[in-house]
């Protein structure tokens, strides 16, 4: 089970911890500990005979997923990295894998500020979503600086 390191041990160097039985594995990553690798189409438990989209992570196919919420995607224009909400215990933000980010990047629409500012809309399955950019508040200071509209 991966979560934020709320212990007093190694917190600066290892912001995440994975508990496995009696083991404590201290974890650091280049960006985010959760990386979404695929968009899967699975049965919607809330609406019988309907399919919903989920993001898969951890190399587990449909075993570890979160509902795909296109309006909550957040792209950093300078790096091109795309983020999606994750569970709060891992910081609330997950990274979209580069190959998947390239695939979905054509769905973004940029406003008057152009590609140097974050996108304003995302079109998914013929539906146009206005991006909420609510993940900005969960991003680190250096990522927030990149998000400022110029």
Protein backbone atom coordinates (compact mmCIF):
# COMPACT_ATOMS: atom_id res chain seq x y z
CA UNK A 1 0.00 0.00 0.00
CA UNK A 2 1.58 3.24 -1.19
CA UNK A 3 0.87 6.47 0.65
CA UNK A 4 2.47 9.77 1.66
CA UNK A 5 5.28 9.40 4.17
CA UNK A 6 3.83 10.91 7.32
CA UNK A 7 6.50 9.39 9.55
CA UNK A 8 9.48 11.27 10.95
CA UNK A 9 11.87 8.98 9.08
CA UNK A 10 13.43 9.97 5.75
CA UNK A 11 10.51 12.27 4.93
CA UNK A 12 12.64 14.80 3.04
CA UNK A 13 14.37 12.23 0.81
CA UNK A 14 11.47 9.78 0.54
CA UNK A 15 8.08 11.51 0.38
CA UNK A 16 6.18 8.22 -0.01
CA UNK A 17 6.10 4.96 1.88
CA UNK A 18 4.90 1.53 0.88
CA UNK A 19 3.86 -0.77 3.72
CA UNK A 20 4.09 -4.48 3.01
CA UNK A 21 3.48 -6.60 6.09
CA UNK A 22 6.12 -5.58 8.60
CA UNK A 23 8.32 -4.00 5.90
CA UNK A 24 8.50 -0.28 5.32
CA UNK A 25 9.72 0.67 1.86
CA UNK A 26 10.58 4.35 1.53
CA UNK A 27 9.93 5.64 -1.98
CA UNK A 28 10.88 8.64 -4.09
CA UNK A 29 10.07 9.28 -7.72
CA UNK A 30 10.99 11.80 -10.39
CA UNK A 31 7.47 13.19 -10.54
CA UNK A 32 4.47 11.25 -9.17
CA UNK A 33 4.24 7.80 -7.60
CA UNK A 34 1.11 6.95 -9.59
CA UNK A 35 1.53 6.71 -13.37
CA UNK A 36 -1.55 5.98 -15.45
CA UNK A 37 -0.62 3.76 -18.38
CA UNK A 38 -3.88 2.87 -20.14
CA UNK A 39 -7.46 3.98 -20.62
CA UNK A 40 -9.70 0.93 -20.28
CA UNK A 41 -13.37 0.54 -21.13
CA UNK A 42 -15.09 -1.44 -18.37
CA UNK A 43 -18.69 -2.20 -17.34
CA UNK A 44 -20.27 0.60 -15.35
CA UNK A 45 -21.52 -0.85 -12.06
CA UNK A 46 -23.77 2.20 -11.51
CA UNK A 47 -25.48 1.90 -14.90
CA UNK A 48 -26.10 -1.65 -16.17
CA UNK A 49 -25.35 -2.26 -19.86
CA UNK A 50 -23.15 0.87 -19.95
CA UNK A 51 -19.39 1.12 -20.38
CA UNK A 52 -17.19 3.65 -18.58
CA UNK A 53 -13.59 4.71 -19.06
CA UNK A 54 -11.02 4.18 -16.32
CA UNK A 55 -7.30 4.86 -16.04
CA UNK A 56 -5.16 1.87 -15.13
CA UNK A 57 -1.94 2.08 -13.09
CA UNK A 58 0.60 -0.22 -11.49
CA UNK A 59 0.77 -2.61 -14.45
CA UNK A 60 -2.28 -4.48 -13.18
CA UNK A 61 -4.71 -4.04 -16.10
CA UNK A 62 -8.15 -3.53 -14.51
CA UNK A 63 -7.12 -4.36 -10.93
CA UNK A 64 -5.93 -0.84 -10.04
CA UNK A 65 -8.01 1.88 -11.69
CA UNK A 66 -9.62 5.26 -11.16
CA UNK A 67 -12.56 6.65 -13.11
CA UNK A 68 -11.39 8.75 -16.05
CA UNK A 69 -12.55 12.34 -15.54
CA UNK A 70 -11.56 14.23 -18.71
CA UNK A 71 -12.52 17.65 -17.32
CA UNK A 72 -9.98 17.22 -14.51
CA UNK A 73 -6.95 16.65 -16.74
CA UNK A 74 -4.18 19.18 -16.29
CA UNK A 75 -1.37 19.75 -18.81
CA UNK A 76 1.82 21.64 -18.06
CA UNK A 77 2.55 23.43 -21.34
CA UNK A 78 6.36 23.66 -21.02
CA UNK A 79 6.93 20.00 -20.21
CA UNK A 80 3.85 18.60 -21.96
CA UNK A 81 3.19 16.41 -18.94
CA UNK A 82 -0.45 15.57 -18.29
CA UNK A 83 -1.90 14.89 -14.86
CA UNK A 84 -5.15 13.36 -13.60
CA UNK A 85 -6.60 13.08 -10.08
CA UNK A 86 -5.35 10.23 -7.90
CA UNK A 87 -6.33 9.06 -4.45
CA UNK A 88 -5.62 11.61 -1.70
CA UNK A 89 -3.34 9.23 0.23
CA UNK A 90 -0.77 9.42 -2.61
CA UNK A 91 -0.97 13.19 -3.01
CA UNK A 92 -4.12 13.48 -5.10
CA UNK A 93 -2.31 13.73 -8.45
CA UNK A 94 -1.18 11.03 -10.88
CA UNK A 95 0.92 11.36 -14.05
CA UNK A 96 -0.28 10.18 -17.45
CA UNK A 97 2.36 7.92 -19.05
CA UNK A 98 4.18 9.61 -21.95
CA UNK A 99 2.88 7.26 -24.66
CA UNK A 100 -0.72 7.73 -23.47
CA UNK A 101 -0.18 11.49 -23.13
CA UNK A 102 0.96 11.67 -26.75
CA UNK A 103 -2.11 9.70 -27.81
CA UNK A 104 -4.61 11.95 -26.02
CA UNK A 105 -2.79 15.27 -26.57
CA UNK A 106 -4.67 15.79 -29.83
CA UNK A 107 -7.87 16.10 -27.76
CA UNK A 108 -6.71 19.30 -26.02
CA UNK A 109 -7.83 22.73 -27.15
CA UNK A 110 -5.88 25.87 -26.29
CA UNK A 111 -7.36 29.31 -25.67
CA UNK A 112 -6.28 32.72 -26.91
CA UNK A 113 -2.95 32.48 -25.09
CA UNK A 114 -2.00 29.56 -27.33
CA UNK A 115 0.13 26.55 -26.52
CA UNK A 116 2.27 28.48 -24.04
CA UNK A 117 -0.61 28.48 -21.57
CA UNK A 118 -2.47 25.47 -20.19
CA UNK A 119 -5.22 24.10 -22.44
CA UNK A 120 -8.77 25.22 -21.80
CA UNK A 121 -10.80 22.29 -23.16
CA UNK A 122 -10.57 18.56 -23.84
CA UNK A 123 -12.76 16.66 -26.30
CA UNK A 124 -13.40 13.02 -25.45
CA UNK A 125 -15.83 10.73 -27.28
CA UNK A 126 -17.39 13.69 -29.10
CA UNK A 127 -18.00 15.61 -25.88
CA UNK A 128 -16.18 18.89 -25.21
CA UNK A 129 -15.15 19.41 -21.59
CA UNK A 130 -14.02 22.68 -20.06
CA UNK A 131 -10.94 21.91 -17.99
CA UNK A 132 -11.30 22.71 -14.29
CA UNK A 133 -7.54 22.85 -13.57
CA UNK A 134 -8.38 21.97 -9.97
CA UNK A 135 -5.18 19.92 -9.71
CA UNK A 136 -3.14 23.14 -9.69
CA UNK A 137 -3.65 23.50 -5.96
CA UNK A 138 -2.11 20.05 -5.39
CA UNK A 139 0.94 20.63 -7.58
CA UNK A 140 4.39 21.45 -6.22
CA UNK A 141 5.57 25.07 -6.34
CA UNK A 142 7.78 24.57 -9.42
CA UNK A 143 4.88 23.03 -11.35
CA UNK A 144 2.56 25.83 -10.20
CA UNK A 145 5.01 28.38 -11.55
CA UNK A 146 4.82 26.70 -14.97
CA UNK A 147 1.03 26.87 -14.88
CA UNK A 148 0.86 30.65 -14.57
CA UNK A 149 -0.72 32.10 -17.68
CA UNK A 150 1.67 34.49 -19.36
